[in-house]
């Protein structure tokens, strides 16, 4: 039982569970947005559901409907998750790079140390 307790209490498992729950909630939000967007497309240009489209008796309508839903979902994820994440990441990465530069006194002390260590 100790091994199982250690496994359950490991931080990675808890973080994974939280990420999974948040992912499910986000998926519901994206699905609702996609449904709303498809409904708006339906109001503007007729029915956005292509399921009944069968050119030459080939049922491509379901594929077109799924493709439109996928493109909308990908756009939502890209513009509302990926782009803001990259912006925040680049902002903090630049701050870390500025702090990584050594101070002038540190550079001078390193030069003194190196000159003292050189053979005469």
PDB file of N, CA and C in Angstrom:
ATOM      1  N   UNK A   1       0.807  -1.201   0.000  1.00  0.00           N
ATOM      2  CA  UNK A   1       0.000   0.000   0.000  1.00  0.00           C
ATOM      3  C   UNK A   1       0.856   1.275   0.000  1.00  0.00           C
ATOM      4  N   UNK A   2       2.040   1.200   0.594  1.00  0.00           N
ATOM      5  CA  UNK A   2       2.893   2.386   0.632  1.00  0.00           C
ATOM      6  C   UNK A   2       3.279   2.830  -0.777  1.00  0.00           C
ATOM      7  N   UNK A   3       3.591   1.849  -1.646  1.00  0.00           N
ATOM      8  CA  UNK A   3       3.942   2.187  -3.016  1.00  0.00           C
ATOM      9  C   UNK A   3       2.797   2.852  -3.753  1.00  0.00           C
ATOM     10  N   UNK A   4       1.576   2.343  -3.534  1.00  0.00           N
ATOM     11  CA  UNK A   4       0.399   2.941  -4.173  1.00  0.00           C
ATOM     12  C   UNK A   4       0.168   4.350  -3.646  1.00  0.00           C
ATOM     13  N   UNK A   5       0.332   4.541  -2.328  1.00  0.00           N
ATOM     14  CA  UNK A   5       0.160   5.869  -1.728  1.00  0.00           C
ATOM     15  C   UNK A   5       1.186   6.839  -2.310  1.00  0.00           C
ATOM     16  N   UNK A   6       2.441   6.392  -2.444  1.00  0.00           N
ATOM     17  CA  UNK A   6       3.474   7.249  -3.026  1.00  0.00           C
ATOM     18  C   UNK A   6       3.141   7.603  -4.473  1.00  0.00           C
ATOM     19  N   UNK A   7       2.603   6.626  -5.222  1.00  0.00           N
ATOM     20  CA  UNK A   7       2.222   6.859  -6.613  1.00  0.00           C
ATOM     21  C   UNK A   7       1.117   7.899  -6.706  1.00  0.00           C
ATOM     22  N   UNK A   8       0.101   7.771  -5.854  1.00  0.00           N
ATOM     23  CA  UNK A   8      -1.043   8.702  -5.885  1.00  0.00           C
ATOM     24  C   UNK A   8      -0.611  10.093  -5.440  1.00  0.00           C
ATOM     25  N   UNK A   9       0.260  10.177  -4.471  1.00  0.00           N
ATOM     26  CA  UNK A   9       0.650  11.475  -3.931  1.00  0.00           C
ATOM     27  C   UNK A   9       1.742  12.161  -4.751  1.00  0.00           C
ATOM     28  N   UNK A  10       2.231  11.483  -5.764  1.00  0.00           N
ATOM     29  CA  UNK A  10       3.242  12.089  -6.632  1.00  0.00           C
ATOM     30  C   UNK A  10       2.630  13.285  -7.332  1.00  0.00           C
ATOM     31  N   UNK A  11       3.367  14.368  -7.444  1.00  0.00           N
ATOM     32  CA  UNK A  11       2.846  15.613  -8.020  1.00  0.00           C
ATOM     33  C   UNK A  11       2.426  15.478  -9.467  1.00  0.00           C
ATOM     34  N   UNK A  12       3.115  14.657 -10.231  1.00  0.00           N
ATOM     35  CA  UNK A  12       2.812  14.550 -11.653  1.00  0.00           C
ATOM     36  C   UNK A  12       1.407  14.018 -11.888  1.00  0.00           C
ATOM     37  N   UNK A  13       0.988  13.064 -11.096  1.00  0.00           N
ATOM     38  CA  UNK A  13      -0.335  12.478 -11.285  1.00  0.00           C
ATOM     39  C   UNK A  13      -1.425  13.499 -10.991  1.00  0.00           C
ATOM     40  N   UNK A  14      -1.264  14.256  -9.938  1.00  0.00           N
ATOM     41  CA  UNK A  14      -2.248  15.285  -9.586  1.00  0.00           C
ATOM     42  C   UNK A  14      -2.290  16.356 -10.672  1.00  0.00           C
ATOM     43  N   UNK A  15      -1.126  16.786 -11.134  1.00  0.00           N
ATOM     44  CA  UNK A  15      -1.083  17.803 -12.186  1.00  0.00           C
ATOM     45  C   UNK A  15      -1.725  17.289 -13.465  1.00  0.00           C
ATOM     46  N   UNK A  16      -1.497  16.030 -13.775  1.00  0.00           N
ATOM     47  CA  UNK A  16      -2.097  15.438 -14.970  1.00  0.00           C
ATOM     48  C   UNK A  16      -3.614  15.386 -14.847  1.00  0.00           C
ATOM     49  N   UNK A  17      -4.112  15.032 -13.680  1.00  0.00           N
ATOM     50  CA  UNK A  17      -5.556  14.978 -13.465  1.00  0.00           C
ATOM     51  C   UNK A  17      -6.174  16.366 -13.593  1.00  0.00           C
ATOM     52  N   UNK A  18      -5.518  17.360 -13.017  1.00  0.00           N
ATOM     53  CA  UNK A  18      -6.021  18.735 -13.116  1.00  0.00           C
ATOM     54  C   UNK A  18      -6.010  19.190 -14.573  1.00  0.00           C
ATOM     55  N   UNK A  19      -4.934  18.889 -15.294  1.00  0.00           N
ATOM     56  CA  UNK A  19      -4.856  19.272 -16.711  1.00  0.00           C
ATOM     57  C   UNK A  19      -5.943  18.589 -17.521  1.00  0.00           C
ATOM     58  N   UNK A  20      -6.235  17.342 -17.205  1.00  0.00           N
ATOM     59  CA  UNK A  20      -7.284  16.613 -17.911  1.00  0.00           C
ATOM     60  C   UNK A  20      -8.651  17.247 -17.676  1.00  0.00           C
ATOM     61  N   UNK A  21      -8.952  17.596 -16.440  1.00  0.00           N
ATOM     62  CA  UNK A  21     -10.246  18.215 -16.110  1.00  0.00           C
ATOM     63  C   UNK A  21     -10.355  19.578 -16.785  1.00  0.00           C
ATOM     64  N   UNK A  22      -9.293  20.363 -16.736  1.00  0.00           N
ATOM     65  CA  UNK A  22      -9.315  21.678 -17.387  1.00  0.00           C
ATOM     66  C   UNK A  22      -9.437  21.514 -18.896  1.00  0.00           C
ATOM     67  N   UNK A  23      -8.770  20.511 -19.454  1.00  0.00           N
ATOM     68  CA  UNK A  23      -8.880  20.247 -20.892  1.00  0.00           C
ATOM     69  C   UNK A  23     -10.292  19.892 -21.297  1.00  0.00           C
ATOM     70  N   UNK A  24     -10.966  19.089 -20.476  1.00  0.00           N
ATOM     71  CA  UNK A  24     -12.368  18.749 -20.779  1.00  0.00           C
ATOM     72  C   UNK A  24     -13.255  19.984 -20.724  1.00  0.00           C
ATOM     73  N   UNK A  25     -13.039  20.827 -19.726  1.00  0.00           N
ATOM     74  CA  UNK A  25     -13.830  22.048 -19.624  1.00  0.00           C
ATOM     75  C   UNK A  25     -13.557  22.971 -20.811  1.00  0.00           C
ATOM     76  N   UNK A  26     -12.290  23.079 -21.202  1.00  0.00           N
ATOM     77  CA  UNK A  26     -11.947  23.920 -22.344  1.00  0.00           C
ATOM     78  C   UNK A  26     -12.536  23.353 -23.625  1.00  0.00           C
ATOM     79  N   UNK A  27     -12.544  22.034 -23.757  1.00  0.00           N
ATOM     80  CA  UNK A  27     -13.139  21.403 -24.941  1.00  0.00           C
ATOM     81  C   UNK A  27     -14.619  21.742 -25.040  1.00  0.00           C
ATOM     82  N   UNK A  28     -15.306  21.783 -23.899  1.00  0.00           N
ATOM     83  CA  UNK A  28     -16.725  22.153 -23.906  1.00  0.00           C
ATOM     84  C   UNK A  28     -16.905  23.601 -24.362  1.00  0.00           C
ATOM     85  N   UNK A  29     -16.014  24.481 -23.922  1.00  0.00           N
ATOM     86  CA  UNK A  29     -16.091  25.892 -24.329  1.00  0.00           C
ATOM     87  C   UNK A  29     -15.841  26.022 -25.831  1.00  0.00           C
ATOM     88  N   UNK A  30     -14.835  25.315 -26.339  1.00  0.00           N
ATOM     89  CA  UNK A  30     -14.524  25.377 -27.766  1.00  0.00           C
ATOM     90  C   UNK A  30     -15.666  24.794 -28.584  1.00  0.00           C
ATOM     91  N   UNK A  31     -16.259  23.704 -28.116  1.00  0.00           N
ATOM     92  CA  UNK A  31     -17.398  23.100 -28.825  1.00  0.00           C
ATOM     93  C   UNK A  31     -18.568  24.070 -28.878  1.00  0.00           C
ATOM     94  N   UNK A  32     -18.857  24.742 -27.760  1.00  0.00           N
ATOM     95  CA  UNK A  32     -19.945  25.716 -27.740  1.00  0.00           C
ATOM     96  C   UNK A  32     -19.648  26.882 -28.689  1.00  0.00           C
ATOM     97  N   UNK A  33     -18.397  27.345 -28.708  1.00  0.00           N
ATOM     98  CA  UNK A  33     -18.025  28.418 -29.620  1.00  0.00           C
ATOM     99  C   UNK A  33     -18.172  27.971 -31.069  1.00  0.00           C
ATOM    100  N   UNK A  34     -17.740  26.737 -31.359  1.00  0.00           N
ATOM    101  CA  UNK A  34     -17.847  26.203 -32.717  1.00  0.00           C
ATOM    102  C   UNK A  34     -19.299  26.102 -33.143  1.00  0.00           C
ATOM    103  N   UNK A  35     -20.157  25.610 -32.252  1.00  0.00           N
ATOM    104  CA  UNK A  35     -21.584  25.521 -32.574  1.00  0.00           C
ATOM    105  C   UNK A  35     -22.179  26.895 -32.829  1.00  0.00           C
ATOM    106  N   UNK A  36     -21.789  27.880 -32.007  1.00  0.00           N
ATOM    107  CA  UNK A  36     -22.295  29.240 -32.189  1.00  0.00           C
ATOM    108  C   UNK A  36     -21.816  29.805 -33.530  1.00  0.00           C
ATOM    109  N   UNK A  37     -20.536  29.590 -33.846  1.00  0.00           N
ATOM    110  CA  UNK A  37     -19.976  30.115 -35.085  1.00  0.00           C
ATOM    111  C   UNK A  37     -20.627  29.466 -36.297  1.00  0.00           C
ATOM    112  N   UNK A  38     -20.851  28.166 -36.224  1.00  0.00           N
ATOM    113  CA  UNK A  38     -21.508  27.461 -37.329  1.00  0.00           C
ATOM    114  C   UNK A  38     -22.944  27.956 -37.487  1.00  0.00           C
ATOM    115  N   UNK A  39     -23.617  28.235 -36.382  1.00  0.00           N
ATOM    116  CA  UNK A  39     -24.976  28.776 -36.460  1.00  0.00           C
ATOM    117  C   UNK A  39     -24.979  30.159 -37.113  1.00  0.00           C
ATOM    118  N   UNK A  40     -23.977  30.973 -36.785  1.00  0.00           N
ATOM    119  CA  UNK A  40     -23.864  32.295 -37.421  1.00  0.00           C
ATOM    120  C   UNK A  40     -23.618  32.131 -38.916  1.00  0.00           C
ATOM    121  N   UNK A  41     -22.760  31.188 -39.291  1.00  0.00           N
ATOM    122  CA  UNK A  41     -22.556  30.917 -40.720  1.00  0.00           C
ATOM    123  C   UNK A  41     -23.859  30.487 -41.383  1.00  0.00           C
ATOM    124  N   UNK A  42     -24.657  29.705 -40.670  1.00  0.00           N
ATOM    125  CA  UNK A  42     -25.942  29.268 -41.200  1.00  0.00           C
ATOM    126  C   UNK A  42     -26.890  30.427 -41.433  1.00  0.00           C
ATOM    127  N   UNK A  43     -26.871  31.402 -40.540  1.00  0.00           N
ATOM    128  CA  UNK A  43     -27.737  32.588 -40.696  1.00  0.00           C
ATOM    129  C   UNK A  43     -27.289  33.429 -41.885  1.00  0.00           C
ATOM    130  N   UNK A  44     -25.976  33.491 -42.100  1.00  0.00           N
ATOM    131  CA  UNK A  44     -25.458  34.334 -43.168  1.00  0.00           C
ATOM    132  C   UNK A  44     -25.603  33.709 -44.550  1.00  0.00           C
ATOM    133  N   UNK A  45     -25.306  32.406 -44.649  1.00  0.00           N
ATOM    134  CA  UNK A  45     -25.264  31.826 -45.983  1.00  0.00           C
ATOM    135  C   UNK A  45     -26.024  30.529 -46.148  1.00  0.00           C
ATOM    136  N   UNK A  46     -27.065  30.313 -45.398  1.00  0.00           N
ATOM    137  CA  UNK A  46     -27.794  29.053 -45.519  1.00  0.00           C
ATOM    138  C   UNK A  46     -27.291  28.045 -44.499  1.00  0.00           C
ATOM    139  N   UNK A  47     -27.632  26.808 -44.696  1.00  0.00           N
ATOM    140  CA  UNK A  47     -27.296  25.763 -43.736  1.00  0.00           C
ATOM    141  C   UNK A  47     -25.807  25.434 -43.772  1.00  0.00           C
ATOM    142  N   UNK A  48     -25.103  25.528 -42.614  1.00  0.00           N
ATOM    143  CA  UNK A  48     -23.687  25.178 -42.595  1.00  0.00           C
ATOM    144  C   UNK A  48     -23.464  23.675 -42.452  1.00  0.00           C
ATOM    145  N   UNK A  49     -24.547  22.905 -42.322  1.00  0.00           N
ATOM    146  CA  UNK A  49     -24.436  21.459 -42.193  1.00  0.00           C
ATOM    147  C   UNK A  49     -24.411  20.856 -43.586  1.00  0.00           C
ATOM    148  N   UNK A  50     -23.273  20.292 -43.968  1.00  0.00           N
ATOM    149  CA  UNK A  50     -23.092  19.754 -45.308  1.00  0.00           C
ATOM    150  C   UNK A  50     -23.403  18.259 -45.386  1.00  0.00           C
ATOM    151  N   UNK A  51     -24.003  17.696 -44.348  1.00  0.00           N
ATOM    152  CA  UNK A  51     -24.223  16.245 -44.289  1.00  0.00           C
ATOM    153  C   UNK A  51     -25.042  15.723 -45.462  1.00  0.00           C
ATOM    154  N   UNK A  52     -25.920  16.529 -45.992  1.00  0.00           N
ATOM    155  CA  UNK A  52     -26.780  16.068 -47.090  1.00  0.00           C
ATOM    156  C   UNK A  52     -26.156  16.283 -48.464  1.00  0.00           C
ATOM    157  N   UNK A  53     -24.946  16.815 -48.510  1.00  0.00           N
ATOM    158  CA  UNK A  53     -24.277  17.089 -49.780  1.00  0.00           C
ATOM    159  C   UNK A  53     -23.664  15.783 -50.307  1.00  0.00           C
ATOM    160  N   UNK A  54     -24.149  15.331 -51.485  1.00  0.00           N
ATOM    161  CA  UNK A  54     -23.684  14.078 -52.102  1.00  0.00           C
ATOM    162  C   UNK A  54     -23.446  14.290 -53.600  1.00  0.00           C
ATOM    163  N   UNK A  55     -22.334  14.945 -53.984  1.00  0.00           N
ATOM    164  CA  UNK A  55     -22.101  15.127 -55.416  1.00  0.00           C
ATOM    165  C   UNK A  55     -21.725  13.789 -56.071  1.00  0.00           C
ATOM    166  N   UNK A  56     -22.461  13.411 -57.094  1.00  0.00           N
ATOM    167  CA  UNK A  56     -22.195  12.151 -57.789  1.00  0.00           C
ATOM    168  C   UNK A  56     -22.397  10.946 -56.892  1.00  0.00           C
ATOM    169  N   UNK A  57     -23.334  11.036 -55.965  1.00  0.00           N
ATOM    170  CA  UNK A  57     -23.639   9.971 -55.006  1.00  0.00           C
ATOM    171  C   UNK A  57     -22.443   9.585 -54.136  1.00  0.00           C
ATOM    172  N   UNK A  58     -21.511  10.504 -53.914  1.00  0.00           N
ATOM    173  CA  UNK A  58     -20.388  10.288 -52.995  1.00  0.00           C
ATOM    174  C   UNK A  58     -20.680  11.102 -51.740  1.00  0.00           C
ATOM    175  N   UNK A  59     -20.791  10.455 -50.582  1.00  0.00           N
ATOM    176  CA  UNK A  59     -21.173  11.177 -49.354  1.00  0.00           C
ATOM    177  C   UNK A  59     -19.999  11.951 -48.744  1.00  0.00           C
ATOM    178  N   UNK A  60     -19.738  13.130 -49.266  1.00  0.00           N
ATOM    179  CA  UNK A  60     -18.646  13.956 -48.756  1.00  0.00           C
ATOM    180  C   UNK A  60     -19.140  15.018 -47.778  1.00  0.00           C
ATOM    181  N   UNK A  61     -20.427  15.125 -47.592  1.00  0.00           N
ATOM    182  CA  UNK A  61     -20.991  16.165 -46.736  1.00  0.00           C
ATOM    183  C   UNK A  61     -20.551  16.054 -45.294  1.00  0.00           C
ATOM    184  N   UNK A  62     -20.551  14.853 -44.733  1.00  0.00           N
ATOM    185  CA  UNK A  62     -20.137  14.677 -43.335  1.00  0.00           C
ATOM    186  C   UNK A  62     -18.675  15.074 -43.148  1.00  0.00           C
ATOM    187  N   UNK A  63     -17.848  14.738 -44.152  1.00  0.00           N
ATOM    188  CA  UNK A  63     -16.442  15.131 -44.089  1.00  0.00           C
ATOM    189  C   UNK A  63     -16.302  16.654 -44.107  1.00  0.00           C
ATOM    190  N   UNK A  64     -17.066  17.333 -44.966  1.00  0.00           N
ATOM    191  CA  UNK A  64     -16.983  18.796 -45.036  1.00  0.00           C
ATOM    192  C   UNK A  64     -17.429  19.439 -43.731  1.00  0.00           C
ATOM    193  N   UNK A  65     -18.492  18.902 -43.111  1.00  0.00           N
ATOM    194  CA  UNK A  65     -18.956  19.430 -41.826  1.00  0.00           C
ATOM    195  C   UNK A  65     -17.881  19.249 -40.761  1.00  0.00           C
ATOM    196  N   UNK A  66     -17.276  18.061 -40.708  1.00  0.00           N
ATOM    197  CA  UNK A  66     -16.217  17.807 -39.726  1.00  0.00           C
ATOM    198  C   UNK A  66     -15.001  18.685 -40.000  1.00  0.00           C
ATOM    199  N   UNK A  67     -14.685  18.922 -41.263  1.00  0.00           N
ATOM    200  CA  UNK A  67     -13.546  19.759 -41.618  1.00  0.00           C
ATOM    201  C   UNK A  67     -13.756  21.200 -41.172  1.00  0.00           C
ATOM    202  N   UNK A  68     -14.957  21.742 -41.393  1.00  0.00           N
ATOM    203  CA  UNK A  68     -15.254  23.107 -40.963  1.00  0.00           C
ATOM    204  C   UNK A  68     -15.168  23.205 -39.440  1.00  0.00           C
ATOM    205  N   UNK A  69     -15.725  22.226 -38.731  1.00  0.00           N
ATOM    206  CA  UNK A  69     -15.658  22.227 -37.267  1.00  0.00           C
ATOM    207  C   UNK A  69     -14.212  22.133 -36.791  1.00  0.00           C
ATOM    208  N   UNK A  70     -13.395  21.310 -37.450  1.00  0.00           N
ATOM    209  CA  UNK A  70     -11.985  21.194 -37.078  1.00  0.00           C
ATOM    210  C   UNK A  70     -11.246  22.510 -37.287  1.00  0.00           C
ATOM    211  N   UNK A  71     -11.469  23.170 -38.424  1.00  0.00           N
ATOM    212  CA  UNK A  71     -10.784  24.429 -38.706  1.00  0.00           C
ATOM    213  C   UNK A  71     -11.163  25.513 -37.703  1.00  0.00           C
ATOM    214  N   UNK A  72     -12.435  25.549 -37.316  1.00  0.00           N
ATOM    215  CA  UNK A  72     -12.868  26.524 -36.318  1.00  0.00           C
ATOM    216  C   UNK A  72     -12.217  26.218 -34.976  1.00  0.00           C
ATOM    217  N   UNK A  73     -12.201  24.937 -34.591  1.00  0.00           N
ATOM    218  CA  UNK A  73     -11.588  24.537 -33.328  1.00  0.00           C
ATOM    219  C   UNK A  73     -10.097  24.861 -33.329  1.00  0.00           C
ATOM    220  N   UNK A  74      -9.414  24.567 -34.419  1.00  0.00           N
ATOM    221  CA  UNK A  74      -7.980  24.853 -34.506  1.00  0.00           C
ATOM    222  C   UNK A  74      -7.713  26.354 -34.418  1.00  0.00           C
ATOM    223  N   UNK A  75      -8.563  27.155 -35.046  1.00  0.00           N
ATOM    224  CA  UNK A  75      -8.391  28.605 -34.991  1.00  0.00           C
ATOM    225  C   UNK A  75      -8.591  29.123 -33.568  1.00  0.00           C
ATOM    226  N   UNK A  76      -9.612  28.613 -32.883  1.00  0.00           N
ATOM    227  CA  UNK A  76      -9.860  29.040 -31.500  1.00  0.00           C
ATOM    228  C   UNK A  76      -8.665  28.685 -30.621  1.00  0.00           C
ATOM    229  N   UNK A  77      -8.178  27.475 -30.744  1.00  0.00           N
ATOM    230  CA  UNK A  77      -7.051  27.053 -29.916  1.00  0.00           C
ATOM    231  C   UNK A  77      -5.804  27.882 -30.243  1.00  0.00           C
ATOM    232  N   UNK A  78      -5.566  28.120 -31.525  1.00  0.00           N
ATOM    233  CA  UNK A  78      -4.374  28.872 -31.908  1.00  0.00           C
ATOM    234  C   UNK A  78      -4.430  30.309 -31.405  1.00  0.00           C
ATOM    235  N   UNK A  79      -5.562  30.999 -31.654  1.00  0.00           N
ATOM    236  CA  UNK A  79      -5.629  32.422 -31.332  1.00  0.00           C
ATOM    237  C   UNK A  79      -5.900  32.701 -29.860  1.00  0.00           C
ATOM    238  N   UNK A  80      -6.513  31.762 -29.129  1.00  0.00           N
ATOM    239  CA  UNK A  80      -6.843  32.015 -27.732  1.00  0.00           C
ATOM    240  C   UNK A  80      -5.959  31.259 -26.748  1.00  0.00           C
ATOM    241  N   UNK A  81      -5.140  30.318 -27.221  1.00  0.00           N
ATOM    242  CA  UNK A  81      -4.251  29.588 -26.318  1.00  0.00           C
ATOM    243  C   UNK A  81      -2.793  29.732 -26.754  1.00  0.00           C
ATOM    244  N   UNK A  82      -2.491  29.352 -27.984  1.00  0.00           N
ATOM    245  CA  UNK A  82      -1.098  29.300 -28.433  1.00  0.00           C
ATOM    246  C   UNK A  82      -0.488  30.696 -28.529  1.00  0.00           C
ATOM    247  N   UNK A  83      -1.147  31.615 -29.207  1.00  0.00           N
ATOM    248  CA  UNK A  83      -0.598  32.966 -29.377  1.00  0.00           C
ATOM    249  C   UNK A  83      -0.406  33.678 -28.039  1.00  0.00           C
ATOM    250  N   UNK A  84      -1.409  33.704 -27.137  1.00  0.00           N
ATOM    251  CA  UNK A  84      -1.164  34.358 -25.841  1.00  0.00           C
ATOM    252  C   UNK A  84      -0.048  33.673 -25.047  1.00  0.00           C
ATOM    253  N   UNK A  85       0.020  32.343 -25.106  1.00  0.00           N
ATOM    254  CA  UNK A  85       1.080  31.628 -24.394  1.00  0.00           C
ATOM    255  C   UNK A  85       2.455  32.018 -24.931  1.00  0.00           C
ATOM    256  N   UNK A  86       2.595  32.084 -26.263  1.00  0.00           N
ATOM    257  CA  UNK A  86       3.878  32.472 -26.859  1.00  0.00           C
ATOM    258  C   UNK A  86       4.248  33.906 -26.490  1.00  0.00           C
ATOM    259  N   UNK A  87       3.254  34.799 -26.423  1.00  0.00           N
ATOM    260  CA  UNK A  87       3.529  36.189 -26.066  1.00  0.00           C
ATOM    261  C   UNK A  87       4.031  36.283 -24.625  1.00  0.00           C
ATOM    262  N   UNK A  88       3.382  35.589 -23.723  1.00  0.00           N
ATOM    263  CA  UNK A  88       3.808  35.610 -22.319  1.00  0.00           C
ATOM    264  C   UNK A  88       5.175  34.954 -22.176  1.00  0.00           C
ATOM    265  N   UNK A  89       5.373  33.854 -22.871  1.00  0.00           N
ATOM    266  CA  UNK A  89       6.647  33.135 -22.801  1.00  0.00           C
ATOM    267  C   UNK A  89       7.791  34.002 -23.312  1.00  0.00           C
ATOM    268  N   UNK A  90       7.589  34.713 -24.424  1.00  0.00           N
ATOM    269  CA  UNK A  90       8.653  35.561 -24.963  1.00  0.00           C
ATOM    270  C   UNK A  90       8.921  36.753 -24.047  1.00  0.00           C
ATOM    271  N   UNK A  91       7.898  37.261 -23.401  1.00  0.00           N
ATOM    272  CA  UNK A  91       8.093  38.389 -22.489  1.00  0.00           C
ATOM    273  C   UNK A  91       8.966  37.980 -21.309  1.00  0.00           C
ATOM    274  N   UNK A  92       8.690  36.824 -20.730  1.00  0.00           N
ATOM    275  CA  UNK A  92       9.481  36.373 -19.588  1.00  0.00           C
ATOM    276  C   UNK A  92      10.849  35.861 -20.008  1.00  0.00           C
ATOM    277  N   UNK A  93      10.979  35.328 -21.199  1.00  0.00           N
ATOM    278  CA  UNK A  93      12.277  34.861 -21.678  1.00  0.00           C
ATOM    279  C   UNK A  93      13.219  36.042 -21.866  1.00  0.00           C
ATOM    280  N   UNK A  94      12.710  37.163 -22.354  1.00  0.00           N
ATOM    281  CA  UNK A  94      13.542  38.348 -22.525  1.00  0.00           C
ATOM    282  C   UNK A  94      13.990  38.890 -21.175  1.00  0.00           C
ATOM    283  N   UNK A  95      13.131  38.830 -20.172  1.00  0.00           N
ATOM    284  CA  UNK A  95      13.505  39.299 -18.836  1.00  0.00           C
ATOM    285  C   UNK A  95      14.596  38.417 -18.251  1.00  0.00           C
ATOM    286  N   UNK A  96      14.548  37.124 -18.493  1.00  0.00           N
ATOM    287  CA  UNK A  96      15.584  36.222 -18.003  1.00  0.00           C
ATOM    288  C   UNK A  96      16.909  36.482 -18.694  1.00  0.00           C
ATOM    289  N   UNK A  97      16.892  36.781 -19.986  1.00  0.00           N
ATOM    290  CA  UNK A  97      18.117  37.040 -20.716  1.00  0.00           C
ATOM    291  C   UNK A  97      18.804  38.302 -20.212  1.00  0.00           C
ATOM    292  N   UNK A  98      18.029  39.319 -19.854  1.00  0.00           N
ATOM    293  CA  UNK A  98      18.603  40.557 -19.343  1.00  0.00           C
ATOM    294  C   UNK A  98      19.276  40.291 -18.007  1.00  0.00           C
ATOM    295  N   UNK A  99      18.666  39.496 -17.148  1.00  0.00           N
ATOM    296  CA  UNK A  99      19.230  39.185 -15.849  1.00  0.00           C
ATOM    297  C   UNK A  99      20.448  38.278 -15.956  1.00  0.00           C
ATOM    298  N   UNK A 100      20.593  37.535 -17.048  1.00  0.00           N
ATOM    299  CA  UNK A 100      21.691  36.597 -17.202  1.00  0.00           C
ATOM    300  C   UNK A 100      23.020  37.301 -17.461  1.00  0.00           C
ATOM    301  N   UNK A 101      22.997  38.541 -17.904  1.00  0.00           N
ATOM    302  CA  UNK A 101      24.242  39.271 -18.174  1.00  0.00           C
ATOM    303  C   UNK A 101      24.926  39.603 -16.854  1.00  0.00           C
ATOM    304  N   UNK A 102      26.226  39.287 -16.736  1.00  0.00           N
ATOM    305  CA  UNK A 102      26.927  39.571 -15.475  1.00  0.00           C
ATOM    306  C   UNK A 102      27.154  41.069 -15.293  1.00  0.00           C
ATOM    307  N   UNK A 103      27.252  41.447 -14.067  1.00  0.00           N
ATOM    308  CA  UNK A 103      27.495  42.839 -13.696  1.00  0.00           C
ATOM    309  C   UNK A 103      28.925  43.226 -14.084  1.00  0.00           C
ATOM    310  N   UNK A 104      29.188  44.529 -14.241  1.00  0.00           N
ATOM    311  CA  UNK A 104      30.518  44.996 -14.633  1.00  0.00           C
ATOM    312  C   UNK A 104      31.574  44.634 -13.599  1.00  0.00           C
ATOM    313  N   UNK A 105      31.199  44.690 -12.338  1.00  0.00           N
ATOM    314  CA  UNK A 105      32.168  44.353 -11.289  1.00  0.00           C
ATOM    315  C   UNK A 105      32.524  42.868 -11.340  1.00  0.00           C
ATOM    316  N   UNK A 106      31.562  42.020 -11.700  1.00  0.00           N
ATOM    317  CA  UNK A 106      31.836  40.588 -11.817  1.00  0.00           C
ATOM    318  C   UNK A 106      32.809  40.345 -12.968  1.00  0.00           C
ATOM    319  N   UNK A 107      32.616  41.035 -14.059  1.00  0.00           N
ATOM    320  CA  UNK A 107      33.518  40.891 -15.210  1.00  0.00           C
ATOM    321  C   UNK A 107      34.926  41.334 -14.827  1.00  0.00           C
ATOM    322  N   UNK A 108      35.027  42.459 -14.123  1.00  0.00           N
ATOM    323  CA  UNK A 108      36.339  42.958 -13.703  1.00  0.00           C
ATOM    324  C   UNK A 108      37.022  41.978 -12.748  1.00  0.00           C
ATOM    325  N   UNK A 109      36.278  41.434 -11.810  1.00  0.00           N
ATOM    326  CA  UNK A 109      36.852  40.465 -10.872  1.00  0.00           C
ATOM    327  C   UNK A 109      37.306  39.199 -11.595  1.00  0.00           C
ATOM    328  N   UNK A 110      36.575  38.777 -12.606  1.00  0.00           N
ATOM    329  CA  UNK A 110      36.992  37.604 -13.381  1.00  0.00           C
ATOM    330  C   UNK A 110      38.290  37.886 -14.130  1.00  0.00           C
ATOM    331  N   UNK A 111      38.431  39.085 -14.687  1.00  0.00           N
ATOM    332  CA  UNK A 111      39.657  39.450 -15.389  1.00  0.00           C
ATOM    333  C   UNK A 111      40.842  39.465 -14.435  1.00  0.00           C
ATOM    334  N   UNK A 112      40.629  39.995 -13.222  1.00  0.00           N
ATOM    335  CA  UNK A 112      41.701  40.019 -12.223  1.00  0.00           C
ATOM    336  C   UNK A 112      42.083  38.590 -11.842  1.00  0.00           C
ATOM    337  N   UNK A 113      41.105  37.752 -11.608  1.00  0.00           N
ATOM    338  CA  UNK A 113      41.370  36.356 -11.259  1.00  0.00           C
ATOM    339  C   UNK A 113      42.146  35.654 -12.363  1.00  0.00           C
ATOM    340  N   UNK A 114      41.714  35.842 -13.604  1.00  0.00           N
ATOM    341  CA  UNK A 114      42.384  35.191 -14.730  1.00  0.00           C
ATOM    342  C   UNK A 114      43.821  35.682 -14.884  1.00  0.00           C
ATOM    343  N   UNK A 115      44.048  36.986 -14.675  1.00  0.00           N
ATOM    344  CA  UNK A 115      45.409  37.520 -14.808  1.00  0.00           C
ATOM    345  C   UNK A 115      46.313  37.018 -13.675  1.00  0.00           C
ATOM    346  N   UNK A 116      45.758  36.804 -12.487  1.00  0.00           N
ATOM    347  CA  UNK A 116      46.543  36.266 -11.375  1.00  0.00           C
ATOM    348  C   UNK A 116      46.874  34.792 -11.582  1.00  0.00           C
ATOM    349  N   UNK A 117      46.039  34.064 -12.269  1.00  0.00           N
ATOM    350  CA  UNK A 117      46.257  32.637 -12.488  1.00  0.00           C
ATOM    351  C   UNK A 117      47.201  32.358 -13.649  1.00  0.00           C
ATOM    352  N   UNK A 118      47.511  33.357 -14.470  1.00  0.00           N
ATOM    353  CA  UNK A 118      48.409  33.159 -15.608  1.00  0.00           C
ATOM    354  C   UNK A 118      49.843  32.959 -15.123  1.00  0.00           C
ATOM    355  N   UNK A 119      50.547  32.021 -15.765  1.00  0.00           N
ATOM    356  CA  UNK A 119      51.973  31.865 -15.379  1.00  0.00           C
ATOM    357  C   UNK A 119      52.775  33.076 -15.832  1.00  0.00           C
ATOM    358  N   UNK A 120      53.808  33.386 -15.075  1.00  0.00           N
ATOM    359  CA  UNK A 120      54.646  34.563 -15.364  1.00  0.00           C
ATOM    360  C   UNK A 120      55.705  34.248 -16.373  1.00  0.00           C
TER     361      UNK A 120
END
